[in-house]
Amino acid sequence: MKKLNRRDFITSAAVLAAAPTIITSSAMTQTSTQVVHHVFFWLKNPGNAADRKELMEGLKTLTGIKEIKKLLIGVPASTEKRDVVDNSYDVSELMYFDSAKEQDVYQVHPIHKAFVDKYSHLWAKVVVYDMLVQ
């Protein structure tokens, strides 16, 4: 094994110390286009198991839209009661898209329009949160 002189050692140490900074800075300058679409539904008949099941079955039809990269469907979790937790909704869906453009395609997609036409009679209120992943 080659023995390092002082100058080579200091140069190597400086490069190694700077590497994480360079990598971190480079990663932070990349902009994400991924969009997360989170929708909360309040049923007209709150807590009605049949209506909840029907809505969840309807939401599953959205998996036929290829622009949706991932779709999760669920109900409020039985987590700790805190002032900042709102578990008043009945059903929620969480979707991942690779871009805002794909989310736009989803909004006007025939399967999405059919879902709204067929199942909107079940909900009294809908709240949507869209997020651009950073």
N, C-alpha and C. Protein backbone atom coordinates (compact mmCIF):
# COMPACT_ATOMS: atom_id res chain seq x y z
N MET A 1 0.84 -1.17 0.00
CA MET A 1 0.00 0.00 0.00
C MET A 1 0.89 1.23 0.00
N LYS A 2 0.53 2.21 -0.84
CA LYS A 2 1.32 3.43 -0.97
C LYS A 2 1.11 4.31 0.24
N LYS A 3 2.19 4.85 0.74
CA LYS A 3 2.13 5.75 1.89
C LYS A 3 1.85 7.16 1.37
N LEU A 4 0.86 7.84 1.97
CA LEU A 4 0.50 9.20 1.55
C LEU A 4 1.40 10.22 2.24
N ASN A 5 1.82 11.21 1.45
CA ASN A 5 2.53 12.32 2.09
C ASN A 5 1.50 13.30 2.62
N ARG A 6 1.94 14.27 3.35
CA ARG A 6 1.05 15.23 4.01
C ARG A 6 0.16 15.96 3.00
N ARG A 7 0.73 16.40 1.88
CA ARG A 7 -0.03 17.15 0.87
C ARG A 7 -1.14 16.27 0.27
N ASP A 8 -0.83 15.04 -0.09
CA ASP A 8 -1.84 14.12 -0.65
C ASP A 8 -2.93 13.83 0.37
N PHE A 9 -2.54 13.66 1.61
CA PHE A 9 -3.51 13.39 2.67
C PHE A 9 -4.48 14.56 2.83
N ILE A 10 -3.96 15.79 2.88
CA ILE A 10 -4.81 16.98 3.04
C ILE A 10 -5.73 17.14 1.84
N THR A 11 -5.21 16.93 0.63
CA THR A 11 -6.04 17.03 -0.57
C THR A 11 -7.16 15.99 -0.54
N SER A 12 -6.85 14.76 -0.21
CA SER A 12 -7.85 13.69 -0.14
C SER A 12 -8.90 13.99 0.92
N ALA A 13 -8.47 14.46 2.06
CA ALA A 13 -9.40 14.79 3.14
C ALA A 13 -10.33 15.91 2.73
N ALA A 14 -9.81 16.92 2.04
CA ALA A 14 -10.64 18.05 1.60
C ALA A 14 -11.69 17.59 0.60
N VAL A 15 -11.30 16.73 -0.33
CA VAL A 15 -12.25 16.21 -1.33
C VAL A 15 -13.34 15.39 -0.64
N LEU A 16 -12.96 14.53 0.28
CA LEU A 16 -13.94 13.71 0.99
C LEU A 16 -14.88 14.56 1.84
N ALA A 17 -14.37 15.59 2.45
CA ALA A 17 -15.20 16.47 3.28
C ALA A 17 -16.17 17.26 2.42
N ALA A 18 -15.77 17.65 1.23
CA ALA A 18 -16.62 18.46 0.35
C ALA A 18 -17.65 17.62 -0.39
N ALA A 19 -17.41 16.34 -0.58
CA ALA A 19 -18.29 15.49 -1.37
C ALA A 19 -19.74 15.50 -0.89
N PRO A 20 -20.02 15.32 0.40
CA PRO A 20 -21.42 15.35 0.83
C PRO A 20 -22.08 16.69 0.54
N THR A 21 -21.34 17.77 0.67
CA THR A 21 -21.89 19.10 0.39
C THR A 21 -22.23 19.22 -1.08
N ILE A 22 -21.35 18.76 -1.94
CA ILE A 22 -21.59 18.83 -3.38
C ILE A 22 -22.79 17.97 -3.75
N ILE A 23 -22.84 16.75 -3.24
CA ILE A 23 -23.95 15.85 -3.54
C ILE A 23 -25.26 16.42 -3.01
N THR A 24 -25.27 16.91 -1.78
CA THR A 24 -26.48 17.49 -1.19
C THR A 24 -26.94 18.69 -1.98
N SER A 25 -26.04 19.58 -2.33
CA SER A 25 -26.41 20.77 -3.09
C SER A 25 -26.98 20.40 -4.44
N SER A 26 -26.38 19.42 -5.09
CA SER A 26 -26.85 18.98 -6.39
C SER A 26 -28.25 18.38 -6.28
N ALA A 27 -28.48 17.55 -5.27
CA ALA A 27 -29.78 16.92 -5.09
C ALA A 27 -30.85 17.95 -4.76
N MET A 28 -30.48 18.98 -4.02
CA MET A 28 -31.47 19.98 -3.61
C MET A 28 -31.87 20.89 -4.76
N THR A 29 -31.02 21.02 -5.79
CA THR A 29 -31.36 21.90 -6.89
C THR A 29 -32.28 21.21 -7.89
N GLN A 30 -32.39 19.90 -7.83
CA GLN A 30 -33.30 19.20 -8.72
C GLN A 30 -34.73 19.49 -8.29
N THR A 31 -35.58 19.82 -9.25
CA THR A 31 -36.97 20.11 -8.90
C THR A 31 -37.83 18.89 -9.20
N SER A 32 -38.71 18.58 -8.29
CA SER A 32 -39.61 17.46 -8.45
C SER A 32 -40.86 17.94 -9.17
N THR A 33 -41.43 17.05 -9.95
CA THR A 33 -42.70 17.36 -10.59
C THR A 33 -43.81 16.47 -10.06
N GLN A 34 -43.46 15.57 -9.13
CA GLN A 34 -44.46 14.63 -8.61
C GLN A 34 -45.53 15.37 -7.82
N VAL A 35 -46.79 15.00 -8.08
CA VAL A 35 -47.93 15.61 -7.41
C VAL A 35 -48.64 14.54 -6.58
N VAL A 36 -48.97 14.90 -5.35
CA VAL A 36 -49.76 14.04 -4.47
C VAL A 36 -51.13 14.70 -4.35
N HIS A 37 -52.17 13.92 -4.62
CA HIS A 37 -53.56 14.40 -4.64
C HIS A 37 -54.30 13.68 -3.51
N HIS A 38 -54.68 14.41 -2.46
CA HIS A 38 -55.33 13.80 -1.30
C HIS A 38 -56.75 14.34 -1.20
N VAL A 39 -57.72 13.44 -1.22
CA VAL A 39 -59.13 13.81 -1.24
C VAL A 39 -59.83 13.21 -0.02
N PHE A 40 -60.65 14.04 0.63
CA PHE A 40 -61.42 13.61 1.80
C PHE A 40 -62.90 13.74 1.48
N PHE A 41 -63.67 12.69 1.78
CA PHE A 41 -65.11 12.65 1.51
C PHE A 41 -65.88 12.56 2.82
N TRP A 42 -66.93 13.38 2.94
CA TRP A 42 -67.89 13.29 4.03
C TRP A 42 -69.19 12.79 3.41
N LEU A 43 -69.71 11.69 3.90
CA LEU A 43 -70.93 11.11 3.36
C LEU A 43 -72.16 11.92 3.74
N LYS A 44 -73.18 11.85 2.89
CA LYS A 44 -74.47 12.46 3.24
C LYS A 44 -75.07 11.75 4.44
N ASN A 45 -74.79 10.45 4.55
CA ASN A 45 -75.22 9.66 5.69
C ASN A 45 -73.97 9.27 6.48
N PRO A 46 -73.48 10.17 7.33
CA PRO A 46 -72.22 9.91 8.04
C PRO A 46 -72.23 8.57 8.77
N GLY A 47 -71.14 7.83 8.60
CA GLY A 47 -71.01 6.56 9.30
C GLY A 47 -71.77 5.40 8.68
N ASN A 48 -72.51 5.63 7.59
CA ASN A 48 -73.28 4.57 6.95
C ASN A 48 -72.33 3.59 6.26
N ALA A 49 -72.29 2.36 6.75
CA ALA A 49 -71.34 1.36 6.25
C ALA A 49 -71.59 1.01 4.78
N ALA A 50 -72.85 0.91 4.38
CA ALA A 50 -73.16 0.55 2.99
C ALA A 50 -72.72 1.66 2.04
N ASP A 51 -72.99 2.91 2.41
CA ASP A 51 -72.57 4.04 1.56
C ASP A 51 -71.04 4.13 1.50
N ARG A 52 -70.39 3.90 2.62
CA ARG A 52 -68.92 3.94 2.65
C ARG A 52 -68.35 2.86 1.73
N LYS A 53 -68.90 1.66 1.83
CA LYS A 53 -68.44 0.55 0.99
C LYS A 53 -68.65 0.86 -0.49
N GLU A 54 -69.81 1.39 -0.82
CA GLU A 54 -70.11 1.73 -2.22
C GLU A 54 -69.14 2.79 -2.75
N LEU A 55 -68.87 3.82 -1.96
CA LEU A 55 -67.94 4.86 -2.37
C LEU A 55 -66.54 4.29 -2.56
N MET A 56 -66.11 3.45 -1.66
CA MET A 56 -64.78 2.85 -1.77
C MET A 56 -64.67 1.95 -3.00
N GLU A 57 -65.73 1.23 -3.31
CA GLU A 57 -65.73 0.42 -4.53
C GLU A 57 -65.63 1.31 -5.76
N GLY A 58 -66.33 2.45 -5.73
CA GLY A 58 -66.25 3.40 -6.83
C GLY A 58 -64.85 3.97 -6.99
N LEU A 59 -64.22 4.28 -5.88
CA LEU A 59 -62.86 4.82 -5.93
C LEU A 59 -61.89 3.81 -6.55
N LYS A 60 -62.12 2.54 -6.32
CA LYS A 60 -61.25 1.50 -6.89
C LYS A 60 -61.30 1.49 -8.42
N THR A 61 -62.40 1.97 -9.00
CA THR A 61 -62.49 2.01 -10.47
C THR A 61 -61.47 2.98 -11.06
N LEU A 62 -61.00 3.92 -10.25
CA LEU A 62 -60.04 4.92 -10.74
C LEU A 62 -58.68 4.30 -11.05
N THR A 63 -58.44 3.07 -10.58
CA THR A 63 -57.17 2.41 -10.89
C THR A 63 -57.03 2.15 -12.39
N GLY A 64 -58.11 2.27 -13.13
CA GLY A 64 -58.07 2.11 -14.58
C GLY A 64 -57.46 3.30 -15.30
N ILE A 65 -57.12 4.34 -14.57
CA ILE A 65 -56.51 5.54 -15.16
C ILE A 65 -55.00 5.39 -15.05
N LYS A 66 -54.33 5.23 -16.20
CA LYS A 66 -52.89 4.91 -16.18
C LYS A 66 -52.03 6.03 -15.63
N GLU A 67 -52.51 7.25 -15.64
CA GLU A 67 -51.72 8.37 -15.11
C GLU A 67 -51.55 8.30 -13.59
N ILE A 68 -52.44 7.59 -12.92
CA ILE A 68 -52.32 7.42 -11.47
C ILE A 68 -51.23 6.39 -11.21
N LYS A 69 -50.16 6.82 -10.57
CA LYS A 69 -49.04 5.91 -10.31
C LYS A 69 -49.29 5.05 -9.08
N LYS A 70 -50.02 5.59 -8.12
CA LYS A 70 -50.36 4.83 -6.91
C LYS A 70 -51.65 5.41 -6.35
N LEU A 71 -52.54 4.53 -5.91
CA LEU A 71 -53.82 4.94 -5.33
C LEU A 71 -54.03 4.19 -4.02
N LEU A 72 -54.23 4.95 -2.96
CA LEU A 72 -54.53 4.38 -1.64
C LEU A 72 -55.91 4.88 -1.23
N ILE A 73 -56.72 3.99 -0.68
CA ILE A 73 -58.08 4.33 -0.25
C ILE A 73 -58.22 3.87 1.20
N GLY A 74 -58.83 4.72 2.04
CA GLY A 74 -58.97 4.31 3.43
C GLY A 74 -59.99 5.12 4.20
N VAL A 75 -60.03 4.84 5.48
CA VAL A 75 -60.96 5.48 6.42
C VAL A 75 -60.12 6.07 7.56
N PRO A 76 -60.72 6.93 8.38
CA PRO A 76 -59.96 7.53 9.48
C PRO A 76 -59.34 6.47 10.39
N ALA A 77 -58.10 6.70 10.76
CA ALA A 77 -57.41 5.79 11.68
C ALA A 77 -57.84 6.08 13.12
N SER A 78 -57.81 5.07 13.93
CA SER A 78 -58.13 5.23 15.35
C SER A 78 -56.86 5.62 16.10
N THR A 79 -56.38 6.81 15.80
CA THR A 79 -55.17 7.30 16.44
C THR A 79 -55.53 8.20 17.61
N GLU A 80 -54.51 8.62 18.31
CA GLU A 80 -54.68 9.49 19.48
C GLU A 80 -55.52 10.72 19.13
N LYS A 81 -56.45 11.06 20.00
CA LYS A 81 -57.28 12.25 19.82
C LYS A 81 -56.48 13.48 20.22
N ARG A 82 -56.28 14.37 19.25
CA ARG A 82 -55.55 15.62 19.51
C ARG A 82 -56.26 16.74 18.79
N ASP A 83 -56.06 17.97 19.22
CA ASP A 83 -56.71 19.12 18.61
C ASP A 83 -56.37 19.28 17.14
N VAL A 84 -55.19 18.84 16.73
CA VAL A 84 -54.74 19.03 15.35
C VAL A 84 -55.19 17.91 14.41
N VAL A 85 -55.82 16.87 14.93
CA VAL A 85 -56.25 15.74 14.11
C VAL A 85 -57.72 15.90 13.75
N ASP A 86 -58.00 15.86 12.44
CA ASP A 86 -59.39 15.91 11.96
C ASP A 86 -59.72 14.55 11.38
N ASN A 87 -60.48 13.78 12.10
CA ASN A 87 -60.90 12.48 11.60
C ASN A 87 -62.42 12.45 11.39
N SER A 88 -62.97 13.61 11.02
CA SER A 88 -64.42 13.72 10.84
C SER A 88 -64.88 13.21 9.47
N TYR A 89 -63.97 12.97 8.55
CA TYR A 89 -64.33 12.49 7.22
C TYR A 89 -64.69 11.01 7.28
N ASP A 90 -65.30 10.51 6.21
CA ASP A 90 -65.69 9.10 6.15
C ASP A 90 -64.74 8.24 5.32
N VAL A 91 -64.26 8.79 4.20
CA VAL A 91 -63.39 8.06 3.28
C VAL A 91 -62.35 9.02 2.74
N SER A 92 -61.16 8.50 2.48
CA SER A 92 -60.10 9.32 1.89
C SER A 92 -59.40 8.53 0.80
N GLU A 93 -58.91 9.26 -0.19
CA GLU A 93 -58.08 8.65 -1.23
C GLU A 93 -56.81 9.47 -1.36
N LEU A 94 -55.72 8.78 -1.64
CA LEU A 94 -54.42 9.43 -1.82
C LEU A 94 -53.85 8.92 -3.13
N MET A 95 -53.57 9.85 -4.05
CA MET A 95 -53.06 9.48 -5.37
C MET A 95 -51.71 10.11 -5.61
N TYR A 96 -50.87 9.40 -6.36
CA TYR A 96 -49.56 9.91 -6.75
C TYR A 96 -49.51 10.02 -8.27
N PHE A 97 -49.05 11.18 -8.74
CA PHE A 97 -48.86 11.42 -10.17
C PHE A 97 -47.42 11.85 -10.40
N ASP A 98 -46.88 11.53 -11.57
CA ASP A 98 -45.51 11.93 -11.89
C ASP A 98 -45.40 13.42 -12.21
N SER A 99 -46.53 14.05 -12.54
CA SER A 99 -46.49 15.48 -12.89
C SER A 99 -47.87 16.10 -12.75
N ALA A 100 -47.89 17.43 -12.74
CA ALA A 100 -49.17 18.15 -12.70
C ALA A 100 -49.94 17.89 -13.99
N LYS A 101 -49.22 17.71 -15.09
CA LYS A 101 -49.88 17.42 -16.37
C LYS A 101 -50.67 16.11 -16.28
N GLU A 102 -50.07 15.09 -15.66
CA GLU A 102 -50.78 13.81 -15.51
C GLU A 102 -51.99 13.96 -14.59
N GLN A 103 -51.87 14.80 -13.58
CA GLN A 103 -53.01 15.04 -12.69
C GLN A 103 -54.12 15.76 -13.46
N ASP A 104 -53.75 16.66 -14.37
CA ASP A 104 -54.73 17.34 -15.22
C ASP A 104 -55.46 16.34 -16.13
N VAL A 105 -54.72 15.39 -16.68
CA VAL A 105 -55.32 14.35 -17.53
C VAL A 105 -56.33 13.55 -16.72
N TYR A 106 -55.97 13.20 -15.50
CA TYR A 106 -56.86 12.46 -14.60
C TYR A 106 -58.18 13.21 -14.39
N GLN A 107 -58.11 14.52 -14.19
CA GLN A 107 -59.31 15.30 -13.88
C GLN A 107 -60.37 15.21 -14.98
N VAL A 108 -59.95 15.11 -16.23
CA VAL A 108 -60.91 15.08 -17.35
C VAL A 108 -61.06 13.68 -17.94
N HIS A 109 -60.42 12.70 -17.33
CA HIS A 109 -60.46 11.32 -17.84
C HIS A 109 -61.90 10.78 -17.75
N PRO A 110 -62.35 10.05 -18.77
CA PRO A 110 -63.72 9.50 -18.75
C PRO A 110 -64.02 8.63 -17.52
N ILE A 111 -63.04 7.88 -17.03
CA ILE A 111 -63.28 7.04 -15.84
C ILE A 111 -63.53 7.92 -14.62
N HIS A 112 -62.77 9.02 -14.49
CA HIS A 112 -62.98 9.94 -13.36
C HIS A 112 -64.34 10.61 -13.48
N LYS A 113 -64.69 11.06 -14.68
CA LYS A 113 -65.99 11.70 -14.87
C LYS A 113 -67.13 10.73 -14.56
N ALA A 114 -66.98 9.48 -14.98
CA ALA A 114 -68.00 8.46 -14.69
C ALA A 114 -68.11 8.21 -13.19
N PHE A 115 -66.98 8.20 -12.50
CA PHE A 115 -66.98 8.03 -11.05
C PHE A 115 -67.79 9.16 -10.39
N VAL A 116 -67.52 10.40 -10.77
CA VAL A 116 -68.23 11.54 -10.18
C VAL A 116 -69.72 11.44 -10.47
N ASP A 117 -70.08 11.12 -11.72
CA ASP A 117 -71.50 11.00 -12.09
C ASP A 117 -72.21 9.90 -11.30
N LYS A 118 -71.55 8.78 -11.11
CA LYS A 118 -72.19 7.62 -10.48
C LYS A 118 -72.22 7.67 -8.96
N TYR A 119 -71.22 8.33 -8.34
CA TYR A 119 -71.08 8.23 -6.88
C TYR A 119 -71.25 9.55 -6.13
N SER A 120 -71.37 10.66 -6.82
CA SER A 120 -71.45 11.96 -6.13
C SER A 120 -72.70 12.09 -5.26
N HIS A 121 -73.71 11.29 -5.52
CA HIS A 121 -74.92 11.34 -4.68
C HIS A 121 -74.63 10.88 -3.24
N LEU A 122 -73.49 10.20 -3.05
CA LEU A 122 -73.16 9.67 -1.72
C LEU A 122 -72.53 10.69 -0.79
N TRP A 123 -71.86 11.72 -1.34
CA TRP A 123 -71.12 12.62 -0.47
C TRP A 123 -71.78 13.99 -0.32
N ALA A 124 -71.60 14.55 0.87
CA ALA A 124 -72.10 15.88 1.19
C ALA A 124 -71.01 16.93 1.01
N LYS A 125 -69.76 16.50 1.18
CA LYS A 125 -68.63 17.45 1.15
C LYS A 125 -67.38 16.71 0.69
N VAL A 126 -66.57 17.44 -0.08
CA VAL A 126 -65.27 16.91 -0.54
C VAL A 126 -64.23 18.00 -0.33
N VAL A 127 -63.09 17.64 0.22
CA VAL A 127 -61.97 18.57 0.38
C VAL A 127 -60.74 17.93 -0.27
N VAL A 128 -60.03 18.73 -1.07
CA VAL A 128 -58.86 18.23 -1.79
C VAL A 128 -57.62 19.02 -1.38
N TYR A 129 -56.53 18.30 -1.15
CA TYR A 129 -55.22 18.91 -0.92
C TYR A 129 -54.27 18.35 -1.97
N ASP A 130 -53.71 19.23 -2.81
CA ASP A 130 -52.72 18.83 -3.80
C ASP A 130 -51.36 19.34 -3.35
N MET A 131 -50.35 18.49 -3.49
CA MET A 131 -49.01 18.86 -3.03
C MET A 131 -48.00 18.55 -4.12
N LEU A 132 -47.09 19.49 -4.35
CA LEU A 132 -45.94 19.26 -5.21
C LEU A 132 -44.80 18.76 -4.33
N VAL A 133 -44.32 17.55 -4.60
CA VAL A 133 -43.27 16.95 -3.78
C VAL A 133 -41.98 17.73 -3.96
N GLN A 134 -41.32 18.04 -2.86
CA GLN A 134 -40.06 18.81 -2.91
C GLN A 134 -38.87 17.94 -2.72
